[in-house]
C-alpha atoms as a PDB file:
ATOM      1  CA  MET A   1       0.004   0.019  -0.015  1.00  0.00           C
ATOM      2  CA  GLN A   2       1.380   3.400  -1.044  1.00  0.00           C
ATOM      3  CA  PRO A   3      -0.075   6.429   0.765  1.00  0.00           C
ATOM      4  CA  CYS A   4       0.175   9.797  -0.952  1.00  0.00           C
ATOM      5  CA  VAL A   5      -1.306  13.289  -0.834  1.00  0.00           C
ATOM      6  CA  LEU A   6      -2.685  14.618  -4.084  1.00  0.00           C
ATOM      7  CA  THR A   7      -3.617  18.233  -4.804  1.00  0.00           C
ATOM      8  CA  SER A   8      -7.212  18.877  -5.875  1.00  0.00           C
ATOM      9  CA  THR A   9      -9.035  22.071  -6.994  1.00  0.00           C
ATOM     10  CA  GLY A  10      -7.947  25.137  -5.181  1.00  0.00           C
ATOM     11  CA  GLY A  11      -4.902  23.412  -3.761  1.00  0.00           C
ATOM     12  CA  ALA A  12      -6.930  21.199  -1.422  1.00  0.00           C
ATOM     13  CA  PRO A  13      -4.988  18.161  -0.163  1.00  0.00           C
ATOM     14  CA  VAL A  14      -6.555  14.750  -0.867  1.00  0.00           C
ATOM     15  CA  ALA A  15      -5.056  11.800   1.060  1.00  0.00           C
ATOM     16  CA  ALA A  16      -5.116   8.667  -1.064  1.00  0.00           C
ATOM     17  CA  ARG A  17      -3.808   5.117  -0.856  1.00  0.00           C
ATOM     18  CA  PHE A  18      -2.833   2.990  -3.820  1.00  0.00           C
ATOM     19  CA  HIS A  19      -2.701  -0.759  -3.541  1.00  0.00           C
ATOM     20  CA  ALA A  20      -0.617  -2.240  -6.348  1.00  0.00           C
ATOM     21  CA  PRO A  21      -1.209  -5.784  -7.610  1.00  0.00           C
ATOM     22  CA  PRO A  22       1.596  -8.351  -7.356  1.00  0.00           C
ATOM     23  CA  GLY A  23       1.767  -8.801 -11.187  1.00  0.00           C
ATOM     24  CA  ALA A  24       0.314  -7.229 -14.274  1.00  0.00           C
ATOM     25  CA  VAL A  25      -2.480  -4.690 -13.870  1.00  0.00           C
ATOM     26  CA  ARG A  26      -5.823  -6.076 -14.996  1.00  0.00           C
ATOM     27  CA  GLY A  27      -7.583  -2.798 -14.355  1.00  0.00           C
ATOM     28  CA  ALA A  28      -7.693   0.203 -12.049  1.00  0.00           C
ATOM     29  CA  VAL A  29     -10.386   0.592  -9.389  1.00  0.00           C
ATOM     30  CA  VAL A  30     -11.157   3.762  -7.483  1.00  0.00           C
ATOM     31  CA  ILE A  31     -13.295   3.352  -4.384  1.00  0.00           C
ATOM     32  CA  GLY A  32     -15.611   6.329  -3.631  1.00  0.00           C
ATOM     33  CA  GLY A  33     -16.512   6.229   0.022  1.00  0.00           C
ATOM     34  CA  ALA A  34     -19.811   6.958   1.798  1.00  0.00           C
ATOM     35  CA  MET A  35     -20.639  10.174   3.532  1.00  0.00           C
ATOM     36  CA  GLY A  36     -18.646  10.552   6.690  1.00  0.00           C
ATOM     37  CA  VAL A  37     -16.785   7.216   6.208  1.00  0.00           C
ATOM     38  CA  LYS A  38     -12.973   7.265   6.255  1.00  0.00           C
ATOM     39  CA  GLN A  39     -11.020   5.330   3.672  1.00  0.00           C
ATOM     40  CA  ASP A  40      -9.745   3.129   6.492  1.00  0.00           C
ATOM     41  CA  TYR A  41     -13.071   1.285   6.323  1.00  0.00           C
ATOM     42  CA  TYR A  42     -12.289   0.008   2.834  1.00  0.00           C
ATOM     43  CA  ALA A  43      -8.672  -0.935   3.482  1.00  0.00           C
ATOM     44  CA  HIS A  44      -9.066  -4.736   3.734  1.00  0.00           C
ATOM     45  CA  PHE A  45     -11.335  -4.870   0.649  1.00  0.00           C
ATOM     46  CA  ALA A  46      -8.888  -2.692  -1.273  1.00  0.00           C
ATOM     47  CA  GLN A  47      -5.949  -4.909  -0.373  1.00  0.00           C
ATOM     48  CA  TRP A  48      -7.887  -8.069  -1.280  1.00  0.00           C
ATOM     49  CA  LEU A  49      -8.916  -6.623  -4.627  1.00  0.00           C
ATOM     50  CA  SER A  50      -5.369  -5.630  -5.423  1.00  0.00           C
ATOM     51  CA  GLU A  51      -4.332  -9.237  -4.814  1.00  0.00           C
ATOM     52  CA  GLN A  52      -6.724 -10.202  -7.620  1.00  0.00           C
ATOM     53  CA  GLY A  53      -4.763  -8.107 -10.072  1.00  0.00           C
ATOM     54  CA  TYR A  54      -6.213  -4.597  -9.786  1.00  0.00           C
ATOM     55  CA  LEU A  55      -4.532  -1.287  -8.958  1.00  0.00           C
ATOM     56  CA  VAL A  56      -6.918  -0.076  -6.266  1.00  0.00           C
ATOM     57  CA  ALA A  57      -7.174   3.498  -4.920  1.00  0.00           C
ATOM     58  CA  SER A  58      -9.104   4.732  -1.912  1.00  0.00           C
ATOM     59  CA  PHE A  59      -9.166   8.305  -0.628  1.00  0.00           C
ATOM     60  CA  ASP A  60     -10.636  10.748   1.877  1.00  0.00           C
ATOM     61  CA  TYR A  61     -12.642  13.728   0.598  1.00  0.00           C
ATOM     62  CA  ARG A  62     -11.155  17.107   1.495  1.00  0.00           C
ATOM     63  CA  GLY A  63     -11.676  17.880   5.192  1.00  0.00           C
ATOM     64  CA  MET A  64     -12.286  14.220   6.048  1.00  0.00           C
ATOM     65  CA  GLY A  65     -10.053  11.578   7.579  1.00  0.00           C
ATOM     66  CA  ASP A  66      -6.407  11.899   6.484  1.00  0.00           C
ATOM     67  CA  SER A  67      -7.303  14.803   4.183  1.00  0.00           C
ATOM     68  CA  GLN A  68      -8.360  17.058   7.096  1.00  0.00           C
ATOM     69  CA  ARG A  69      -6.103  20.059   7.670  1.00  0.00           C
ATOM     70  CA  GLY A  70      -7.197  22.327  10.489  1.00  0.00           C
ATOM     71  CA  SER A  71     -10.700  23.106  11.738  1.00  0.00           C
ATOM     72  CA  LEU A  72     -13.764  22.281   9.602  1.00  0.00           C
ATOM     73  CA  ARG A  73     -15.111  25.730  10.550  1.00  0.00           C
ATOM     74  CA  ARG A  74     -12.638  27.306   8.144  1.00  0.00           C
ATOM     75  CA  LEU A  75     -13.130  24.863   5.277  1.00  0.00           C
ATOM     76  CA  ARG A  76     -15.219  26.069   2.344  1.00  0.00           C
ATOM     77  CA  ALA A  77     -16.210  22.933   0.481  1.00  0.00           C
ATOM     78  CA  ASP A  78     -19.340  21.451  -1.038  1.00  0.00           C
ATOM     79  CA  LEU A  79     -20.218  18.244  -2.873  1.00  0.00           C
ATOM     80  CA  PHE A  80     -18.971  19.625  -6.175  1.00  0.00           C
ATOM     81  CA  ASP A  81     -15.589  20.075  -4.506  1.00  0.00           C
ATOM     82  CA  TRP A  82     -15.702  16.502  -3.255  1.00  0.00           C
ATOM     83  CA  THR A  83     -16.406  15.425  -6.844  1.00  0.00           C
ATOM     84  CA  ASP A  84     -13.235  17.235  -7.911  1.00  0.00           C
ATOM     85  CA  ASP A  85     -11.408  15.249  -5.264  1.00  0.00           C
ATOM     86  CA  PHE A  86     -12.793  12.049  -6.816  1.00  0.00           C
ATOM     87  CA  ASP A  87     -11.604  13.253 -10.199  1.00  0.00           C
ATOM     88  CA  THR A  88      -8.111  13.991  -8.848  1.00  0.00           C
ATOM     89  CA  VAL A  89      -7.748  10.427  -7.582  1.00  0.00           C
ATOM     90  CA  ILE A  90      -9.049   9.037 -10.905  1.00  0.00           C
ATOM     91  CA  ALA A  91      -6.476  11.068 -12.823  1.00  0.00           C
ATOM     92  CA  GLU A  92      -3.714   9.607 -10.684  1.00  0.00           C
ATOM     93  CA  ALA A  93      -5.095   6.101 -11.045  1.00  0.00           C
ATOM     94  CA  LEU A  94      -5.135   6.491 -14.809  1.00  0.00           C
ATOM     95  CA  ALA A  95      -1.602   7.733 -14.818  1.00  0.00           C
ATOM     96  CA  ARG A  96      -0.381   4.830 -12.687  1.00  0.00           C
ATOM     97  CA  SER A  97      -2.295   2.066 -14.456  1.00  0.00           C
ATOM     98  CA  GLY A  98      -0.806   2.452 -17.931  1.00  0.00           C
ATOM     99  CA  GLY A  99      -4.084   2.650 -19.835  1.00  0.00           C
ATOM    100  CA  ALA A 100      -5.813  -0.242 -18.088  1.00  0.00           C
ATOM    101  CA  PRO A 101      -9.629  -0.165 -17.869  1.00  0.00           C
ATOM    102  CA  LEU A 102     -10.900   2.021 -15.061  1.00  0.00           C
ATOM    103  CA  TYR A 103     -13.706   1.009 -12.769  1.00  0.00           C
ATOM    104  CA  LEU A 104     -15.436   2.723  -9.901  1.00  0.00           C
ATOM    105  CA  ILE A 105     -16.846   1.130  -6.799  1.00  0.00           C
ATOM    106  CA  GLY A 106     -19.108   3.622  -5.135  1.00  0.00           C
ATOM    107  CA  HIS A 107     -20.478   3.092  -1.618  1.00  0.00           C
ATOM    108  CA  SER A 108     -23.529   5.228  -0.995  1.00  0.00           C
ATOM    109  CA  LEU A 109     -22.362   8.766  -1.786  1.00  0.00           C
ATOM    110  CA  GLY A 110     -19.532   7.346  -3.851  1.00  0.00           C
ATOM    111  CA  ALA A 111     -22.099   6.159  -6.396  1.00  0.00           C
ATOM    112  CA  GLN A 112     -24.032   9.400  -6.331  1.00  0.00           C
ATOM    113  CA  LEU A 113     -21.197  11.593  -7.630  1.00  0.00           C
ATOM    114  CA  PRO A 114     -19.753   9.830 -10.723  1.00  0.00           C
ATOM    115  CA  GLY A 115     -22.226  11.468 -13.107  1.00  0.00           C
ATOM    116  CA  LEU A 116     -20.537  14.754 -12.269  1.00  0.00           C
ATOM    117  CA  LEU A 117     -17.008  13.627 -12.949  1.00  0.00           C
ATOM    118  CA  LYS A 118     -14.875  15.327 -15.564  1.00  0.00           C
ATOM    119  CA  HIS A 119     -13.309  11.925 -16.260  1.00  0.00           C
ATOM    120  CA  ARG A 120     -16.642  10.062 -16.764  1.00  0.00           C
ATOM    121  CA  ASP A 121     -15.685   9.327 -20.404  1.00  0.00           C
ATOM    122  CA  ARG A 122     -12.744   7.263 -19.100  1.00  0.00           C
ATOM    123  CA  VAL A 123     -14.876   5.142 -16.761  1.00  0.00           C
ATOM    124  CA  ASP A 124     -15.461   1.540 -17.934  1.00  0.00           C
ATOM    125  CA  GLY A 125     -18.035   0.616 -15.275  1.00  0.00           C
ATOM    126  CA  LEU A 126     -19.581   1.694 -11.972  1.00  0.00           C
ATOM    127  CA  LEU A 127     -20.436  -0.848  -9.345  1.00  0.00           C
ATOM    128  CA  SER A 128     -22.804   0.847  -6.883  1.00  0.00           C
ATOM    129  CA  VAL A 129     -23.013  -0.618  -3.360  1.00  0.00           C
ATOM    130  CA  ALA A 130     -25.823   0.261  -0.973  1.00  0.00           C
ATOM    131  CA  ALA A 131     -26.462   3.540  -2.783  1.00  0.00           C
ATOM    132  CA  GLY A 132     -29.620   5.346  -3.701  1.00  0.00           C
ATOM    133  CA  SER A 133     -31.329   8.683  -3.786  1.00  0.00           C
ATOM    134  CA  GLY A 134     -31.175  10.509  -0.501  1.00  0.00           C
ATOM    135  CA  TYR A 135     -34.632  11.964  -0.983  1.00  0.00           C
ATOM    136  CA  TRP A 136     -36.271  11.689   2.416  1.00  0.00           C
ATOM    137  CA  ARG A 137     -39.466   9.963   1.209  1.00  0.00           C
ATOM    138  CA  ASP A 138     -37.263   7.253  -0.407  1.00  0.00           C
ATOM    139  CA  ASN A 139     -35.512   6.511   2.879  1.00  0.00           C
ATOM    140  CA  ALA A 140     -36.173   3.237   4.759  1.00  0.00           C
ATOM    141  CA  PRO A 141     -39.294   3.499   7.008  1.00  0.00           C
ATOM    142  CA  GLN A 142     -37.341   3.488  10.321  1.00  0.00           C
ATOM    143  CA  LEU A 143     -35.248   6.434   8.997  1.00  0.00           C
ATOM    144  CA  ARG A 144     -38.239   8.424   7.776  1.00  0.00           C
ATOM    145  CA  ARG A 145     -39.576   8.647  11.322  1.00  0.00           C
ATOM    146  CA  MET A 146     -36.854  11.083  12.313  1.00  0.00           C
ATOM    147  CA  VAL A 147     -35.443  12.435   9.075  1.00  0.00           C
ATOM    148  CA  LEU A 148     -37.533  15.571   8.917  1.00  0.00           C
ATOM    149  CA  TYR A 149     -36.331  16.592  12.389  1.00  0.00           C
ATOM    150  CA  PHE A 150     -32.765  15.840  11.217  1.00  0.00           C
ATOM    151  CA  TRP A 151     -32.983  17.987   8.123  1.00  0.00           C
ATOM    152  CA  HIS A 152     -35.213  20.818   9.394  1.00  0.00           C
ATOM    153  CA  VAL A 153     -33.890  21.210  12.945  1.00  0.00           C
ATOM    154  CA  LEU A 154     -30.726  19.333  13.827  1.00  0.00           C
ATOM    155  CA  VAL A 155     -28.650  20.003  10.692  1.00  0.00           C
ATOM    156  CA  PRO A 156     -29.346  23.731  10.230  1.00  0.00           C
ATOM    157  CA  VAL A 157     -29.198  24.601  13.965  1.00  0.00           C
ATOM    158  CA  ALA A 158     -26.089  22.621  14.755  1.00  0.00           C
ATOM    159  CA  THR A 159     -24.302  23.756  11.610  1.00  0.00           C
ATOM    160  CA  ARG A 160     -24.992  27.393  12.371  1.00  0.00           C
ATOM    161  CA  LEU A 161     -23.855  27.053  15.969  1.00  0.00           C
ATOM    162  CA  PHE A 162     -20.612  25.188  15.248  1.00  0.00           C
ATOM    163  CA  GLY A 163     -19.703  26.389  11.751  1.00  0.00           C
ATOM    164  CA  TYR A 164     -19.748  22.809  10.569  1.00  0.00           C
ATOM    165  CA  PHE A 165     -21.988  19.818  11.262  1.00  0.00           C
ATOM    166  CA  PRO A 166     -20.717  18.162  14.488  1.00  0.00           C
ATOM    167  CA  GLY A 167     -21.940  14.669  13.569  1.00  0.00           C
ATOM    168  CA  ARG A 168     -19.491  12.867  15.849  1.00  0.00           C
ATOM    169  CA  LYS A 169     -20.846  14.642  18.937  1.00  0.00           C
ATOM    170  CA  LEU A 170     -24.401  14.001  17.818  1.00  0.00           C
ATOM    171  CA  ARG A 171     -23.631  10.405  16.647  1.00  0.00           C
ATOM    172  CA  LYS A 172     -25.102  11.191  13.284  1.00  0.00           C
ATOM    173  CA  VAL A 173     -23.097  10.616  10.035  1.00  0.00           C
ATOM    174  CA  GLY A 174     -19.893  12.244  11.203  1.00  0.00           C
ATOM    175  CA  ASP A 175     -18.331  15.713  11.148  1.00  0.00           C
ATOM    176  CA  LEU A 176     -19.027  17.422   7.821  1.00  0.00           C
ATOM    177  CA  PRO A 177     -18.110  20.796   6.299  1.00  0.00           C
ATOM    178  CA  ALA A 178     -21.047  23.248   6.369  1.00  0.00           C
ATOM    179  CA  GLY A 179     -21.180  23.563   2.598  1.00  0.00           C
ATOM    180  CA  VAL A 180     -21.292  19.775   2.183  1.00  0.00           C
ATOM    181  CA  VAL A 181     -24.105  19.118   4.660  1.00  0.00           C
ATOM    182  CA  MET A 182     -26.256  22.034   3.595  1.00  0.00           C
ATOM    183  CA  GLN A 183     -26.001  21.125  -0.064  1.00  0.00           C
ATOM    184  CA  TRP A 184     -26.743  17.481   0.815  1.00  0.00           C
ATOM    185  CA  ARG A 185     -29.809  18.693   2.784  1.00  0.00           C
ATOM    186  CA  ARG A 186     -31.096  20.506  -0.288  1.00  0.00           C
ATOM    187  CA  TRP A 187     -30.582  17.355  -2.463  1.00  0.00           C
ATOM    188  CA  CYS A 188     -32.453  15.211   0.096  1.00  0.00           C
ATOM    189  CA  MET A 189     -35.476  17.541  -0.028  1.00  0.00           C
ATOM    190  CA  ASN A 190     -35.926  16.959  -3.795  1.00  0.00           C
ATOM    191  CA  PRO A 191     -37.729  13.899  -5.242  1.00  0.00           C
ATOM    192  CA  ARG A 192     -35.076  13.643  -7.942  1.00  0.00           C
ATOM    193  CA  TYR A 193     -32.238  14.279  -5.538  1.00  0.00           C
ATOM    194  CA  HIS A 194     -29.220  16.051  -7.069  1.00  0.00           C
ATOM    195  CA  VAL A 195     -30.512  16.191 -10.692  1.00  0.00           C
ATOM    196  CA  GLY A 196     -33.700  17.809  -9.399  1.00  0.00           C
ATOM    197  CA  ALA A 197     -32.110  20.120  -6.850  1.00  0.00           C
ATOM    198  CA  GLU A 198     -29.360  21.456  -9.097  1.00  0.00           C
ATOM    199  CA  GLY A 199     -31.387  21.494 -12.337  1.00  0.00           C
ATOM    200  CA  ALA A 200     -30.284  21.242 -15.936  1.00  0.00           C
ATOM    201  CA  PRO A 201     -26.464  21.523 -15.502  1.00  0.00           C
ATOM    202  CA  VAL A 202     -26.286  18.467 -13.279  1.00  0.00           C
ATOM    203  CA  ARG A 203     -29.084  16.526 -15.068  1.00  0.00           C
ATOM    204  CA  GLU A 204     -27.318  16.944 -18.439  1.00  0.00           C
ATOM    205  CA  LYS A 205     -24.027  15.703 -16.958  1.00  0.00           C
ATOM    206  CA  PHE A 206     -25.659  12.527 -15.706  1.00  0.00           C
ATOM    207  CA  GLU A 207     -27.451  12.037 -19.017  1.00  0.00           C
ATOM    208  CA  ALA A 208     -24.093  12.360 -20.812  1.00  0.00           C
ATOM    209  CA  ALA A 209     -22.659   9.414 -18.811  1.00  0.00           C
ATOM    210  CA  ARG A 210     -22.408   6.232 -20.923  1.00  0.00           C
ATOM    211  CA  PHE A 211     -20.498   3.870 -18.604  1.00  0.00           C
ATOM    212  CA  PRO A 212     -22.474   0.835 -17.476  1.00  0.00           C
ATOM    213  CA  VAL A 213     -23.937   0.925 -13.936  1.00  0.00           C
ATOM    214  CA  VAL A 214     -24.722  -2.096 -11.782  1.00  0.00           C
ATOM    215  CA  ALA A 215     -26.292  -1.270  -8.456  1.00  0.00           C
ATOM    216  CA  LEU A 216     -26.255  -3.794  -5.626  1.00  0.00           C
ATOM    217  CA  SER A 217     -29.286  -3.077  -3.417  1.00  0.00           C
ATOM    218  CA  ILE A 218     -29.238  -4.722   0.056  1.00  0.00           C
ATOM    219  CA  THR A 219     -32.656  -5.885   1.271  1.00  0.00           C
ATOM    220  CA  ASP A 220     -31.868  -5.058   4.958  1.00  0.00           C
ATOM    221  CA  ASP A 221     -30.219  -1.688   4.222  1.00  0.00           C
ATOM    222  CA  GLU A 222     -31.455   0.556   6.997  1.00  0.00           C
ATOM    223  CA  LEU A 223     -30.886   3.677   4.974  1.00  0.00           C
ATOM    224  CA  MET A 224     -31.494   2.920   1.283  1.00  0.00           C
ATOM    225  CA  THR A 225     -34.675   1.343  -0.206  1.00  0.00           C
ATOM    226  CA  GLU A 226     -34.997  -0.407  -3.505  1.00  0.00           C
ATOM    227  CA  ARG A 227     -37.008   2.540  -4.807  1.00  0.00           C
ATOM    228  CA  GLY A 228     -34.301   4.953  -3.782  1.00  0.00           C
ATOM    229  CA  THR A 229     -31.712   2.858  -5.509  1.00  0.00           C
ATOM    230  CA  GLN A 230     -33.738   2.782  -8.723  1.00  0.00           C
ATOM    231  CA  VAL A 231     -34.179   6.557  -8.631  1.00  0.00           C
ATOM    232  CA  LEU A 232     -30.424   7.018  -8.436  1.00  0.00           C
ATOM    233  CA  VAL A 233     -29.685   4.517 -11.107  1.00  0.00           C
ATOM    234  CA  ASP A 234     -32.213   6.225 -13.424  1.00  0.00           C
ATOM    235  CA  CYS A 235     -30.301   9.490 -13.051  1.00  0.00           C
ATOM    236  CA  TYR A 236     -27.820   7.810 -15.423  1.00  0.00           C
ATOM    237  CA  ALA A 237     -30.564   7.919 -17.972  1.00  0.00           C
ATOM    238  CA  ASN A 238     -28.554   7.049 -21.048  1.00  0.00           C
ATOM    239  CA  ALA A 239     -26.241   4.460 -19.518  1.00  0.00           C
ATOM    240  CA  PRO A 240     -26.854   0.710 -19.588  1.00  0.00           C
ATOM    241  CA  ARG A 241     -27.888  -0.037 -16.050  1.00  0.00           C
ATOM    242  CA  ARG A 242     -29.558  -2.498 -13.694  1.00  0.00           C
ATOM    243  CA  VAL A 243     -30.365  -3.060 -10.022  1.00  0.00           C
ATOM    244  CA  GLU A 244     -29.574  -6.361  -8.361  1.00  0.00           C
ATOM    245  CA  ARG A 245     -31.103  -7.179  -4.973  1.00  0.00           C
ATOM    246  CA  ILE A 246     -29.039  -9.039  -2.323  1.00  0.00           C
ATOM    247  CA  ALA A 247     -30.537 -10.537   0.786  1.00  0.00           C
ATOM    248  CA  PRO A 248     -28.526 -11.677   3.825  1.00  0.00           C
ATOM    249  CA  ALA A 249     -29.835 -15.242   3.255  1.00  0.00           C
ATOM    250  CA  ASP A 250     -28.168 -15.235  -0.206  1.00  0.00           C
ATOM    251  CA  VAL A 251     -24.808 -15.161   1.544  1.00  0.00           C
ATOM    252  CA  GLN A 252     -25.688 -17.148   4.619  1.00  0.00           C
ATOM    253  CA  ALA A 253     -25.624 -14.112   6.857  1.00  0.00           C
ATOM    254  CA  ARG A 254     -28.018 -12.723   9.462  1.00  0.00           C
ATOM    255  CA  ARG A 255     -27.333  -9.176   8.403  1.00  0.00           C
ATOM    256  CA  ILE A 256     -25.570  -7.057   5.747  1.00  0.00           C
ATOM    257  CA  GLY A 257     -27.123  -3.626   6.157  1.00  0.00           C
ATOM    258  CA  HIS A 258     -25.843  -0.357   4.727  1.00  0.00           C
ATOM    259  CA  PHE A 259     -22.195  -0.928   5.790  1.00  0.00           C
ATOM    260  CA  GLY A 260     -21.730  -4.665   5.849  1.00  0.00           C
ATOM    261  CA  PHE A 261     -20.622  -5.289   2.238  1.00  0.00           C
ATOM    262  CA  PHE A 262     -17.010  -4.304   2.980  1.00  0.00           C
ATOM    263  CA  ARG A 263     -16.575  -6.470   6.064  1.00  0.00           C
ATOM    264  CA  ASP A 264     -14.087  -9.304   5.976  1.00  0.00           C
ATOM    265  CA  GLN A 265     -16.744 -11.981   6.541  1.00  0.00           C
ATOM    266  CA  PHE A 266     -17.975 -11.462   3.004  1.00  0.00           C
ATOM    267  CA  GLN A 267     -14.661 -12.056   1.255  1.00  0.00           C
ATOM    268  CA  SER A 268     -15.751 -15.348  -0.314  1.00  0.00           C
ATOM    269  CA  SER A 269     -19.239 -14.115  -1.211  1.00  0.00           C
ATOM    270  CA  LEU A 270     -19.928 -10.431  -1.774  1.00  0.00           C
ATOM    271  CA  TRP A 271     -16.313  -9.506  -2.475  1.00  0.00           C
ATOM    272  CA  GLN A 272     -16.135 -12.298  -4.990  1.00  0.00           C
ATOM    273  CA  ARG A 273     -19.386 -11.043  -6.541  1.00  0.00           C
ATOM    274  CA  ALA A 274     -17.839  -7.595  -6.906  1.00  0.00           C
ATOM    275  CA  LEU A 275     -14.801  -9.153  -8.607  1.00  0.00           C
ATOM    276  CA  THR A 276     -17.007 -11.105 -11.057  1.00  0.00           C
ATOM    277  CA  GLN A 277     -18.815  -7.924 -11.961  1.00  0.00           C
ATOM    278  CA  LEU A 278     -15.625  -6.006 -12.616  1.00  0.00           C
ATOM    279  CA  GLN A 279     -14.632  -8.780 -15.006  1.00  0.00           C
ATOM    280  CA  ALA A 280     -18.082  -8.697 -16.657  1.00  0.00           C
ATOM    281  CA  PHE A 281     -17.825  -4.985 -17.406  1.00  0.00           C
ATOM    282  CA  ARG A 282     -15.405  -5.738 -20.226  1.00  0.00           C
ATOM    283  CA  SER A 283     -17.267  -6.991 -23.233  1.00  0.00           C
ATOM    284  CA  PRO A 284     -15.597  -9.590 -25.543  1.00  0.00           C
ATOM    285  CA  GLY A 285     -13.585  -7.988 -28.337  1.00  0.00           C
ATOM    286  CA  GLU A 286     -13.540  -4.573 -26.708  1.00  0.00           C
ATOM    287  CA  THR A 287     -10.501  -4.352 -24.424  1.00  0.00           C
ATOM    288  CA  ARG A 288      -8.255  -1.448 -23.575  1.00  0.00           C
ATOM    289  CA  ASP A 289      -4.737  -1.944 -24.927  1.00  0.00           C
ATOM    290  CA  PRO A 290      -2.284  -0.374 -22.508  1.00  0.00           C
ATOM    291  CA  ALA A 291       0.001   0.390 -25.494  1.00  0.00           C
ATOM    292  CA  ASP A 292      -2.512   2.564 -27.326  1.00  0.00           C
ATOM    293  CA  GLY A 293      -4.906   3.647 -24.587  1.00  0.00           C
ATOM    294  CA  ILE A 294      -8.012   2.587 -26.494  1.00  0.00           C
ATOM    295  CA  SER A 295     -10.992   2.581 -24.142  1.00  0.00           C
ATOM    296  CA  SER A 296     -13.230  -0.426 -23.774  1.00  0.00           C
ATOM    297  CA  ARG A 297     -16.998  -0.197 -23.359  1.00  0.00           C
ATOM    298  CA  VAL A 298     -19.690  -2.608 -22.457  1.00  0.00           C
ATOM    299  CA  ALA A 299     -22.308  -2.742 -25.145  1.00  0.00           C
ATOM    300  CA  PRO A 300     -25.725  -1.406 -23.925  1.00  0.00           C
ATOM    301  CA  GLY A 301     -27.406  -4.728 -24.703  1.00  0.00           C
ATOM    302  CA  LEU A 302     -25.307  -6.507 -22.061  1.00  0.00           C
ATOM    303  CA  LEU A 303     -27.188  -4.725 -19.275  1.00  0.00           C
ATOM    304  CA  THR A 304     -30.917  -4.254 -18.859  1.00  0.00           C
ATOM    305  CA  ALA A 305     -31.978  -0.628 -18.925  1.00  0.00           C
ATOM    306  CA  HIS A 306     -34.796   0.214 -16.567  1.00  0.00           C
END
């Protein structure tokens, strides 16, 4: 594992870790983390995936985890800035991988941002894990019981008082920059999430995405419903896409939930499923040659569009 600090838009430091494979690079994978989750959480999965032949990168969005420099009160950042951080890591992964296919594994927020990427034309596939629209009516029933208090009282009041959202003190999500949490709040109030809240500029970027999207929806996810997952997937309106449901019983487990996919116990089941999907993103006869940089693409017919 090679840690490094990259420089994103405006000179913001982005701490990343690159896990190199033992032999030839089969592809590059960038892991986009969930809101408030440090890249440490994905370390074992990233190492395992690198052992399967992939150059794997994880990172912390600016102001988070190893990327934090100073107080969050002074950090001016929103979710567009975090997308730039994602792009910065992708650019480095592309440079290190020698033209190998590039895949994204997005956990929750990490699958909500790729439609905004500058490098979306270089992406060969997005595997979405436990991700969906954050629109409050699409939340799981147990979350809907308190989410309006969260968005209308707790978030605006606490953010104004502290200058950032003190999620660690409140045991909600985690500490977040004010610009991030308030923009996220606005997205979560709109039935079409970010493409609805931000209007045509964001909607058109998602519609321009052509990389295939496979979304793994967890039946006991306490945050994301199947409907919310479908709403998010359909933001990638012109991409080949599908939703696959996974129940704990499918992998002989009592629970998976929103965060369980990346736990070591699922190495031989869910992790293997992720590996199989990365391999499936490459269609026969359309491979990227590291010598010439030609990009591969999965033909739309290989995935069912909803």
